[in-house]
Amino acid sequence: MTEPAKSSASALRIMLVEDSAVLASHVTELIDKLPDMQLTGIADNQKDAIQMLADTLPQVLILDLQLREGNGFGVLRGWPVWIRPQKWWS
């Protein structure tokens, strides 16, 4: 689990759940090159991802569905109800 430092009040907060260090590194590099994007954290397993969701409150979640420990669907099921996105279309 990593907590990148780049921060801005107006930045779009992105969290990454990926158990491949190579892929996580590439995605991190891409996000770092984009203006007004903040990587709030990287989790490599289901348990850490669920905790990090509550701790960092990302606006965007990039989620690997097949993790070595758990899976992406477990992350979604474990996403704390009080921080789930609201229905924006109603």
N, C-alpha and C. Protein backbone atom coordinates (compact mmCIF):
# COMPACT_ATOMS: atom_id res chain seq x y z
N MET A 1 0.86 -1.17 0.00
CA MET A 1 0.00 0.00 0.00
C MET A 1 0.90 1.23 0.00
N THR A 2 0.59 2.16 -0.91
CA THR A 2 1.41 3.36 -1.05
C THR A 2 0.52 4.59 -1.00
N GLU A 3 1.01 5.65 -0.39
CA GLU A 3 0.29 6.91 -0.31
C GLU A 3 1.10 7.99 -1.05
N PRO A 4 0.85 8.23 -2.33
CA PRO A 4 1.56 9.28 -3.06
C PRO A 4 1.33 10.65 -2.46
N ALA A 5 2.28 11.56 -2.63
CA ALA A 5 2.26 12.84 -1.94
C ALA A 5 1.63 13.99 -2.73
N LYS A 6 1.61 13.93 -4.05
CA LYS A 6 1.10 15.01 -4.87
C LYS A 6 -0.32 15.40 -4.45
N SER A 7 -0.57 16.70 -4.23
CA SER A 7 -1.88 17.11 -3.73
C SER A 7 -2.26 18.49 -4.26
N SER A 8 -3.55 18.66 -4.47
CA SER A 8 -4.10 19.94 -4.87
C SER A 8 -5.57 19.96 -4.48
N ALA A 9 -6.04 21.10 -4.01
CA ALA A 9 -7.43 21.19 -3.53
C ALA A 9 -8.42 20.92 -4.66
N SER A 10 -8.10 21.31 -5.89
CA SER A 10 -9.04 21.14 -6.99
C SER A 10 -8.78 19.86 -7.80
N ALA A 11 -7.80 19.08 -7.42
CA ALA A 11 -7.43 17.89 -8.19
C ALA A 11 -8.49 16.79 -8.06
N LEU A 12 -8.64 16.03 -9.14
CA LEU A 12 -9.50 14.86 -9.13
C LEU A 12 -8.76 13.76 -8.37
N ARG A 13 -9.39 13.24 -7.31
CA ARG A 13 -8.77 12.24 -6.44
C ARG A 13 -9.01 10.84 -7.02
N ILE A 14 -7.90 10.14 -7.30
CA ILE A 14 -7.95 8.82 -7.93
C ILE A 14 -7.27 7.81 -7.01
N MET A 15 -7.91 6.65 -6.83
CA MET A 15 -7.32 5.55 -6.07
C MET A 15 -7.13 4.37 -7.02
N LEU A 16 -6.02 3.66 -6.86
CA LEU A 16 -5.69 2.52 -7.70
C LEU A 16 -5.63 1.25 -6.86
N VAL A 17 -6.32 0.22 -7.32
CA VAL A 17 -6.23 -1.10 -6.70
C VAL A 17 -5.65 -2.03 -7.75
N GLU A 18 -4.40 -2.42 -7.57
CA GLU A 18 -3.68 -3.23 -8.56
C GLU A 18 -2.60 -4.02 -7.83
N ASP A 19 -2.57 -5.35 -8.04
CA ASP A 19 -1.57 -6.17 -7.37
C ASP A 19 -0.30 -6.39 -8.19
N SER A 20 -0.28 -5.93 -9.42
CA SER A 20 0.93 -6.01 -10.24
C SER A 20 1.72 -4.72 -10.06
N ALA A 21 2.92 -4.85 -9.51
CA ALA A 21 3.77 -3.67 -9.28
C ALA A 21 4.10 -2.97 -10.59
N VAL A 22 4.29 -3.74 -11.66
CA VAL A 22 4.62 -3.16 -12.97
C VAL A 22 3.46 -2.32 -13.49
N LEU A 23 2.24 -2.88 -13.47
CA LEU A 23 1.07 -2.12 -13.94
C LEU A 23 0.80 -0.91 -13.05
N ALA A 24 0.92 -1.09 -11.74
CA ALA A 24 0.69 0.03 -10.82
C ALA A 24 1.67 1.16 -11.10
N SER A 25 2.90 0.81 -11.38
CA SER A 25 3.91 1.82 -11.69
C SER A 25 3.57 2.58 -12.98
N HIS A 26 3.15 1.86 -14.01
CA HIS A 26 2.79 2.51 -15.28
C HIS A 26 1.58 3.43 -15.12
N VAL A 27 0.56 2.96 -14.42
CA VAL A 27 -0.64 3.79 -14.21
C VAL A 27 -0.28 5.02 -13.39
N THR A 28 0.56 4.85 -12.38
CA THR A 28 1.00 5.97 -11.54
C THR A 28 1.72 7.01 -12.39
N GLU A 29 2.60 6.56 -13.26
CA GLU A 29 3.33 7.49 -14.14
C GLU A 29 2.37 8.28 -15.03
N LEU A 30 1.37 7.59 -15.58
CA LEU A 30 0.39 8.27 -16.44
C LEU A 30 -0.40 9.31 -15.65
N ILE A 31 -0.87 8.95 -14.48
CA ILE A 31 -1.65 9.88 -13.66
C ILE A 31 -0.80 11.09 -13.27
N ASP A 32 0.45 10.85 -12.91
CA ASP A 32 1.34 11.94 -12.51
C ASP A 32 1.58 12.95 -13.63
N LYS A 33 1.44 12.52 -14.88
CA LYS A 33 1.65 13.42 -16.02
C LYS A 33 0.43 14.28 -16.32
N LEU A 34 -0.71 13.92 -15.76
CA LEU A 34 -1.95 14.65 -16.05
C LEU A 34 -2.15 15.80 -15.06
N PRO A 35 -2.54 16.96 -15.59
CA PRO A 35 -2.79 18.09 -14.67
C PRO A 35 -4.06 17.85 -13.86
N ASP A 36 -4.07 18.38 -12.67
CA ASP A 36 -5.24 18.33 -11.79
C ASP A 36 -5.71 16.91 -11.48
N MET A 37 -4.77 15.99 -11.37
CA MET A 37 -5.07 14.62 -10.95
C MET A 37 -4.21 14.30 -9.73
N GLN A 38 -4.81 13.67 -8.72
CA GLN A 38 -4.08 13.31 -7.51
C GLN A 38 -4.30 11.83 -7.23
N LEU A 39 -3.24 11.05 -7.18
CA LEU A 39 -3.33 9.65 -6.81
C LEU A 39 -3.35 9.60 -5.29
N THR A 40 -4.51 9.24 -4.73
CA THR A 40 -4.66 9.24 -3.27
C THR A 40 -4.04 8.02 -2.62
N GLY A 41 -3.87 6.94 -3.37
CA GLY A 41 -3.25 5.75 -2.81
C GLY A 41 -3.31 4.58 -3.75
N ILE A 42 -2.49 3.58 -3.44
CA ILE A 42 -2.45 2.34 -4.20
C ILE A 42 -2.58 1.20 -3.21
N ALA A 43 -3.54 0.33 -3.45
CA ALA A 43 -3.71 -0.87 -2.63
C ALA A 43 -3.49 -2.09 -3.51
N ASP A 44 -2.90 -3.13 -2.95
CA ASP A 44 -2.65 -4.32 -3.75
C ASP A 44 -3.47 -5.53 -3.30
N ASN A 45 -4.43 -5.31 -2.38
CA ASN A 45 -5.29 -6.41 -1.95
C ASN A 45 -6.64 -5.86 -1.49
N GLN A 46 -7.60 -6.75 -1.37
CA GLN A 46 -8.98 -6.35 -1.06
C GLN A 46 -9.10 -5.66 0.29
N LYS A 47 -8.50 -6.20 1.31
CA LYS A 47 -8.61 -5.63 2.66
C LYS A 47 -8.06 -4.21 2.72
N ASP A 48 -6.86 -4.01 2.19
CA ASP A 48 -6.26 -2.67 2.20
C ASP A 48 -7.07 -1.69 1.35
N ALA A 49 -7.61 -2.18 0.23
CA ALA A 49 -8.39 -1.31 -0.66
C ALA A 49 -9.64 -0.79 0.04
N ILE A 50 -10.34 -1.66 0.76
CA ILE A 50 -11.55 -1.23 1.46
C ILE A 50 -11.22 -0.19 2.52
N GLN A 51 -10.15 -0.40 3.27
CA GLN A 51 -9.75 0.57 4.28
C GLN A 51 -9.33 1.89 3.64
N MET A 52 -8.59 1.80 2.53
CA MET A 52 -8.12 3.01 1.87
C MET A 52 -9.28 3.81 1.28
N LEU A 53 -10.32 3.14 0.79
CA LEU A 53 -11.51 3.85 0.29
C LEU A 53 -12.07 4.76 1.37
N ALA A 54 -12.19 4.23 2.58
CA ALA A 54 -12.73 5.01 3.69
C ALA A 54 -11.78 6.13 4.10
N ASP A 55 -10.49 5.88 4.02
CA ASP A 55 -9.50 6.86 4.47
C ASP A 55 -9.28 8.00 3.49
N THR A 56 -9.35 7.71 2.18
CA THR A 56 -8.96 8.71 1.18
C THR A 56 -10.12 9.33 0.40
N LEU A 57 -11.29 8.69 0.44
CA LEU A 57 -12.49 9.20 -0.24
C LEU A 57 -12.21 9.62 -1.69
N PRO A 58 -11.76 8.67 -2.52
CA PRO A 58 -11.46 9.02 -3.92
C PRO A 58 -12.72 9.33 -4.71
N GLN A 59 -12.55 10.11 -5.77
CA GLN A 59 -13.64 10.39 -6.70
C GLN A 59 -13.66 9.38 -7.84
N VAL A 60 -12.50 8.78 -8.12
CA VAL A 60 -12.36 7.78 -9.17
C VAL A 60 -11.63 6.57 -8.58
N LEU A 61 -12.11 5.38 -8.92
CA LEU A 61 -11.48 4.15 -8.46
C LEU A 61 -11.08 3.33 -9.69
N ILE A 62 -9.79 3.07 -9.84
CA ILE A 62 -9.29 2.19 -10.89
C ILE A 62 -9.05 0.85 -10.22
N LEU A 63 -9.82 -0.17 -10.64
CA LEU A 63 -9.91 -1.40 -9.87
C LEU A 63 -9.56 -2.64 -10.68
N ASP A 64 -8.57 -3.38 -10.23
CA ASP A 64 -8.22 -4.69 -10.78
C ASP A 64 -9.23 -5.69 -10.23
N LEU A 65 -9.85 -6.48 -11.09
CA LEU A 65 -10.86 -7.42 -10.62
C LEU A 65 -10.27 -8.71 -10.06
N GLN A 66 -9.10 -9.10 -10.52
CA GLN A 66 -8.46 -10.33 -10.04
C GLN A 66 -7.22 -9.98 -9.23
N LEU A 67 -7.35 -10.05 -7.91
CA LEU A 67 -6.24 -9.74 -7.02
C LEU A 67 -5.69 -11.04 -6.43
N ARG A 68 -4.45 -11.02 -5.99
CA ARG A 68 -3.88 -12.21 -5.34
C ARG A 68 -4.59 -12.48 -4.01
N GLU A 69 -4.96 -11.43 -3.31
CA GLU A 69 -5.67 -11.54 -2.03
C GLU A 69 -7.01 -10.83 -2.16
N GLY A 70 -8.06 -11.60 -2.42
CA GLY A 70 -9.38 -11.03 -2.63
C GLY A 70 -9.62 -10.73 -4.10
N ASN A 71 -10.65 -9.91 -4.36
CA ASN A 71 -10.93 -9.54 -5.75
C ASN A 71 -11.65 -8.20 -5.79
N GLY A 72 -11.74 -7.64 -6.97
CA GLY A 72 -12.34 -6.33 -7.14
C GLY A 72 -13.81 -6.28 -6.74
N PHE A 73 -14.53 -7.37 -6.96
CA PHE A 73 -15.94 -7.40 -6.58
C PHE A 73 -16.08 -7.35 -5.06
N GLY A 74 -15.14 -7.98 -4.36
CA GLY A 74 -15.13 -7.90 -2.90
C GLY A 74 -14.86 -6.49 -2.42
N VAL A 75 -14.02 -5.77 -3.15
CA VAL A 75 -13.76 -4.37 -2.81
C VAL A 75 -15.04 -3.56 -2.95
N LEU A 76 -15.76 -3.77 -4.05
CA LEU A 76 -17.00 -3.03 -4.27
C LEU A 76 -18.05 -3.37 -3.21
N ARG A 77 -18.16 -4.66 -2.86
CA ARG A 77 -19.12 -5.06 -1.83
C ARG A 77 -18.73 -4.50 -0.46
N GLY A 78 -17.44 -4.35 -0.22
CA GLY A 78 -16.96 -3.86 1.06
C GLY A 78 -16.86 -2.35 1.16
N TRP A 79 -17.13 -1.67 0.04
CA TRP A 79 -17.07 -0.20 0.01
C TRP A 79 -18.05 0.34 1.04
N PRO A 80 -17.57 1.07 2.03
CA PRO A 80 -18.48 1.57 3.07
C PRO A 80 -19.65 2.36 2.48
N VAL A 81 -20.84 2.03 2.93
CA VAL A 81 -22.07 2.63 2.39
C VAL A 81 -22.04 4.15 2.46
N TRP A 82 -21.51 4.69 3.52
CA TRP A 82 -21.55 6.14 3.71
C TRP A 82 -20.65 6.91 2.76
N ILE A 83 -19.77 6.23 2.02
CA ILE A 83 -18.94 6.96 1.05
C ILE A 83 -19.22 6.55 -0.38
N ARG A 84 -20.22 5.69 -0.60
CA ARG A 84 -20.54 5.31 -1.98
C ARG A 84 -21.07 6.52 -2.73
N PRO A 85 -20.75 6.60 -4.01
CA PRO A 85 -21.23 7.73 -4.81
C PRO A 85 -22.76 7.81 -4.80
N GLN A 86 -23.27 9.02 -4.79
CA GLN A 86 -24.70 9.23 -4.86
C GLN A 86 -25.15 9.12 -6.31
N LYS A 87 -26.42 8.80 -6.51
CA LYS A 87 -26.95 8.74 -7.86
C LYS A 87 -27.00 10.17 -8.43
N TRP A 88 -26.22 10.41 -9.45
CA TRP A 88 -26.14 11.75 -10.01
C TRP A 88 -27.15 11.95 -11.13
N TRP A 89 -27.78 10.89 -11.60
CA TRP A 89 -28.67 10.99 -12.75
C TRP A 89 -30.12 11.21 -12.34
N SER A 90 -30.47 11.19 -11.06
CA SER A 90 -31.87 11.34 -10.69
C SER A 90 -32.19 12.76 -10.25
